[in-house]
Amino acid sequence: MPKLEDPIELYRRSLADLPAPIEAHPPVIQRAEVWPYPELTRLWVRVETSPFVAFPNLAITVSGPDEAVVATMFMVEIRDPYQSVTLHLRQAPQPGAKYVLALELSRDEVALDTRRLEFELVFRESGT
């Protein structure tokens, strides 16, 4: 009777023989949205990137009307092209004032893409 190979070893060998995936182009930020919560002390930020092979970092910075940074988040090696996070403002909100959302997608200390989105600190229903 012929000897059967261990299925686990067969699986491991087939994975090892696969060619390494190659990115056709570095990932970029495709879409970004910011939605203030009703009390205006929190922001719902949604970011969508193009697909990627190697995991990039995502830096999110929110600046107030006086250009002072009021919220930041740094996400290391994001695993999914779609991010949805809540940021808390570190200063009292200024309703109706102009704020800026700055995004930077990077990998290995190299900036891949940046975006800047100005918005008014006003509550509105998402999707409107």
C-alpha atoms as a PDB file:
ATOM      1  CA  MET A   1       0.000   0.000   0.000  1.00  0.00           C
ATOM      2  CA  PRO A   2       1.457   3.413  -0.940  1.00  0.00           C
ATOM      3  CA  LYS A   3       2.424   5.752   1.888  1.00  0.00           C
ATOM      4  CA  LEU A   4       0.237   8.888   2.084  1.00  0.00           C
ATOM      5  CA  GLU A   5       1.777  12.276   2.773  1.00  0.00           C
ATOM      6  CA  ASP A   6       0.788  14.156   5.886  1.00  0.00           C
ATOM      7  CA  PRO A   7      -1.879  16.682   4.746  1.00  0.00           C
ATOM      8  CA  ILE A   8      -0.453  19.379   7.026  1.00  0.00           C
ATOM      9  CA  GLU A   9       3.019  19.031   5.494  1.00  0.00           C
ATOM     10  CA  LEU A  10       1.532  19.031   2.007  1.00  0.00           C
ATOM     11  CA  TYR A  11      -0.327  22.257   2.841  1.00  0.00           C
ATOM     12  CA  ARG A  12       2.783  23.916   4.324  1.00  0.00           C
ATOM     13  CA  ARG A  13       4.875  23.019   1.295  1.00  0.00           C
ATOM     14  CA  SER A  14       2.259  24.360  -1.126  1.00  0.00           C
ATOM     15  CA  LEU A  15       2.124  27.657   0.795  1.00  0.00           C
ATOM     16  CA  ALA A  16       5.922  27.933   0.797  1.00  0.00           C
ATOM     17  CA  ASP A  17       5.974  27.433  -2.985  1.00  0.00           C
ATOM     18  CA  LEU A  18       3.603  30.347  -3.653  1.00  0.00           C
ATOM     19  CA  PRO A  19       5.237  33.422  -5.149  1.00  0.00           C
ATOM     20  CA  ALA A  20       5.340  36.483  -2.917  1.00  0.00           C
ATOM     21  CA  PRO A  21       2.528  38.929  -3.756  1.00  0.00           C
ATOM     22  CA  ILE A  22       3.631  42.085  -5.537  1.00  0.00           C
ATOM     23  CA  GLU A  23       1.851  45.456  -5.367  1.00  0.00           C
ATOM     24  CA  ALA A  24       1.195  46.999  -8.760  1.00  0.00           C
ATOM     25  CA  HIS A  25       1.330  50.430  -7.071  1.00  0.00           C
ATOM     26  CA  PRO A  26       1.572  51.722  -3.487  1.00  0.00           C
ATOM     27  CA  PRO A  27      -1.731  52.189  -1.656  1.00  0.00           C
ATOM     28  CA  VAL A  28      -3.449  55.581  -1.681  1.00  0.00           C
ATOM     29  CA  ILE A  29      -6.263  57.183   0.297  1.00  0.00           C
ATOM     30  CA  GLN A  30      -9.392  56.832  -1.818  1.00  0.00           C
ATOM     31  CA  ARG A  31     -11.996  58.407   0.453  1.00  0.00           C
ATOM     32  CA  ALA A  32     -12.161  60.204   3.789  1.00  0.00           C
ATOM     33  CA  GLU A  33     -15.120  61.522   5.777  1.00  0.00           C
ATOM     34  CA  VAL A  34     -15.522  63.185   9.148  1.00  0.00           C
ATOM     35  CA  TRP A  35     -18.825  63.407  11.033  1.00  0.00           C
ATOM     36  CA  PRO A  36     -19.077  65.332  14.317  1.00  0.00           C
ATOM     37  CA  TYR A  37     -21.203  63.685  17.019  1.00  0.00           C
ATOM     38  CA  PRO A  38     -24.168  65.723  18.389  1.00  0.00           C
ATOM     39  CA  GLU A  39     -22.270  67.057  21.436  1.00  0.00           C
ATOM     40  CA  LEU A  40     -19.355  68.107  19.126  1.00  0.00           C
ATOM     41  CA  THR A  41     -16.654  66.713  21.440  1.00  0.00           C
ATOM     42  CA  ARG A  42     -16.155  63.573  19.341  1.00  0.00           C
ATOM     43  CA  LEU A  43     -15.611  62.964  15.644  1.00  0.00           C
ATOM     44  CA  TRP A  44     -16.431  59.880  13.606  1.00  0.00           C
ATOM     45  CA  VAL A  45     -13.697  59.484  10.987  1.00  0.00           C
ATOM     46  CA  ARG A  46     -13.922  57.040   8.102  1.00  0.00           C
ATOM     47  CA  VAL A  47     -10.992  56.394   5.765  1.00  0.00           C
ATOM     48  CA  GLU A  48     -10.807  54.058   2.797  1.00  0.00           C
ATOM     49  CA  THR A  49      -7.555  53.140   1.060  1.00  0.00           C
ATOM     50  CA  SER A  50      -6.815  51.208  -2.095  1.00  0.00           C
ATOM     51  CA  PRO A  51      -5.905  47.526  -1.599  1.00  0.00           C
ATOM     52  CA  PHE A  52      -2.395  46.745  -0.373  1.00  0.00           C
ATOM     53  CA  VAL A  53      -0.071  43.788   0.139  1.00  0.00           C
ATOM     54  CA  ALA A  54       2.279  45.140   2.822  1.00  0.00           C
ATOM     55  CA  PHE A  55       0.499  46.820   5.723  1.00  0.00           C
ATOM     56  CA  PRO A  56       0.754  50.648   5.827  1.00  0.00           C
ATOM     57  CA  ASN A  57       0.486  53.008   8.793  1.00  0.00           C
ATOM     58  CA  LEU A  58      -2.241  55.645   9.006  1.00  0.00           C
ATOM     59  CA  ALA A  59      -1.789  58.936  10.883  1.00  0.00           C
ATOM     60  CA  ILE A  60      -4.885  61.029  11.627  1.00  0.00           C
ATOM     61  CA  THR A  61      -4.586  64.599  12.924  1.00  0.00           C
ATOM     62  CA  VAL A  62      -7.362  67.105  13.587  1.00  0.00           C
ATOM     63  CA  SER A  63      -6.514  70.796  13.928  1.00  0.00           C
ATOM     64  CA  GLY A  64      -8.821  73.467  15.307  1.00  0.00           C
ATOM     65  CA  PRO A  65      -9.542  76.936  13.928  1.00  0.00           C
ATOM     66  CA  ASP A  66      -6.395  78.317  15.574  1.00  0.00           C
ATOM     67  CA  GLU A  67      -4.360  75.522  13.876  1.00  0.00           C
ATOM     68  CA  ALA A  68      -3.676  73.842  17.222  1.00  0.00           C
ATOM     69  CA  VAL A  69      -3.839  70.041  17.151  1.00  0.00           C
ATOM     70  CA  VAL A  70      -6.980  68.927  18.988  1.00  0.00           C
ATOM     71  CA  ALA A  71      -6.951  65.165  18.256  1.00  0.00           C
ATOM     72  CA  THR A  72      -4.488  62.603  16.889  1.00  0.00           C
ATOM     73  CA  MET A  73      -4.368  58.896  16.219  1.00  0.00           C
ATOM     74  CA  PHE A  74      -1.607  56.741  14.743  1.00  0.00           C
ATOM     75  CA  MET A  75      -2.583  53.317  13.466  1.00  0.00           C
ATOM     76  CA  VAL A  76       0.320  50.902  12.980  1.00  0.00           C
ATOM     77  CA  GLU A  77       0.148  48.428  10.088  1.00  0.00           C
ATOM     78  CA  ILE A  78      -3.548  48.643   9.299  1.00  0.00           C
ATOM     79  CA  ARG A  79      -4.899  45.303   8.098  1.00  0.00           C
ATOM     80  CA  ASP A  80      -8.023  46.437   6.283  1.00  0.00           C
ATOM     81  CA  PRO A  81      -8.498  49.111   3.596  1.00  0.00           C
ATOM     82  CA  TYR A  82     -11.484  50.541   5.510  1.00  0.00           C
ATOM     83  CA  GLN A  83     -11.012  52.289   8.878  1.00  0.00           C
ATOM     84  CA  SER A  84     -13.765  53.708  11.084  1.00  0.00           C
ATOM     85  CA  VAL A  85     -12.695  55.402  14.328  1.00  0.00           C
ATOM     86  CA  THR A  86     -13.953  57.898  16.915  1.00  0.00           C
ATOM     87  CA  LEU A  87     -11.623  60.720  17.956  1.00  0.00           C
ATOM     88  CA  HIS A  88     -12.132  62.778  21.116  1.00  0.00           C
ATOM     89  CA  LEU A  89     -11.283  66.481  20.957  1.00  0.00           C
ATOM     90  CA  ARG A  90      -8.789  67.551  23.624  1.00  0.00           C
ATOM     91  CA  GLN A  91     -10.086  71.133  23.724  1.00  0.00           C
ATOM     92  CA  ALA A  92     -13.535  72.635  24.126  1.00  0.00           C
ATOM     93  CA  PRO A  93     -15.322  72.559  20.760  1.00  0.00           C
ATOM     94  CA  GLN A  94     -15.977  75.738  18.820  1.00  0.00           C
ATOM     95  CA  PRO A  95     -19.332  75.063  17.108  1.00  0.00           C
ATOM     96  CA  GLY A  96     -19.487  76.179  13.485  1.00  0.00           C
ATOM     97  CA  ALA A  97     -15.744  76.839  13.289  1.00  0.00           C
ATOM     98  CA  LYS A  98     -13.527  75.452  10.514  1.00  0.00           C
ATOM     99  CA  TYR A  99     -11.455  72.401  11.477  1.00  0.00           C
ATOM    100  CA  VAL A 100      -8.973  70.390   9.396  1.00  0.00           C
ATOM    101  CA  LEU A 101      -8.581  66.610   9.156  1.00  0.00           C
ATOM    102  CA  ALA A 102      -5.094  65.639   7.945  1.00  0.00           C
ATOM    103  CA  LEU A 103      -4.340  62.055   6.905  1.00  0.00           C
ATOM    104  CA  GLU A 104      -1.001  60.443   6.083  1.00  0.00           C
ATOM    105  CA  LEU A 105      -0.592  56.913   4.777  1.00  0.00           C
ATOM    106  CA  SER A 106       2.986  55.678   5.203  1.00  0.00           C
ATOM    107  CA  ARG A 107       5.115  52.560   5.201  1.00  0.00           C
ATOM    108  CA  ASP A 108       8.732  52.103   6.269  1.00  0.00           C
ATOM    109  CA  GLU A 109       9.065  55.792   7.199  1.00  0.00           C
ATOM    110  CA  VAL A 110       8.007  56.844   3.657  1.00  0.00           C
ATOM    111  CA  ALA A 111       4.821  58.851   3.032  1.00  0.00           C
ATOM    112  CA  LEU A 112       2.672  57.092   0.415  1.00  0.00           C
ATOM    113  CA  ASP A 113      -0.249  59.538   0.302  1.00  0.00           C
ATOM    114  CA  THR A 114      -1.621  62.507   2.219  1.00  0.00           C
ATOM    115  CA  ARG A 115      -5.019  64.156   2.300  1.00  0.00           C
ATOM    116  CA  ARG A 116      -6.366  67.311   3.921  1.00  0.00           C
ATOM    117  CA  LEU A 117     -10.083  67.768   4.512  1.00  0.00           C
ATOM    118  CA  GLU A 118     -11.580  70.994   5.873  1.00  0.00           C
ATOM    119  CA  PHE A 119     -14.909  70.713   7.695  1.00  0.00           C
ATOM    120  CA  GLU A 120     -17.169  72.764   9.932  1.00  0.00           C
ATOM    121  CA  LEU A 121     -17.745  71.531  13.462  1.00  0.00           C
ATOM    122  CA  VAL A 122     -21.504  71.140  13.021  1.00  0.00           C
ATOM    123  CA  PHE A 123     -23.577  68.040  13.729  1.00  0.00           C
ATOM    124  CA  ARG A 124     -25.326  66.532  10.739  1.00  0.00           C
ATOM    125  CA  GLU A 125     -26.707  63.071  10.129  1.00  0.00           C
ATOM    126  CA  SER A 126     -24.245  60.812   8.313  1.00  0.00           C
ATOM    127  CA  GLY A 127     -25.060  60.403   4.647  1.00  0.00           C
ATOM    128  CA  THR A 128     -26.633  63.873   4.312  1.00  0.00           C
END
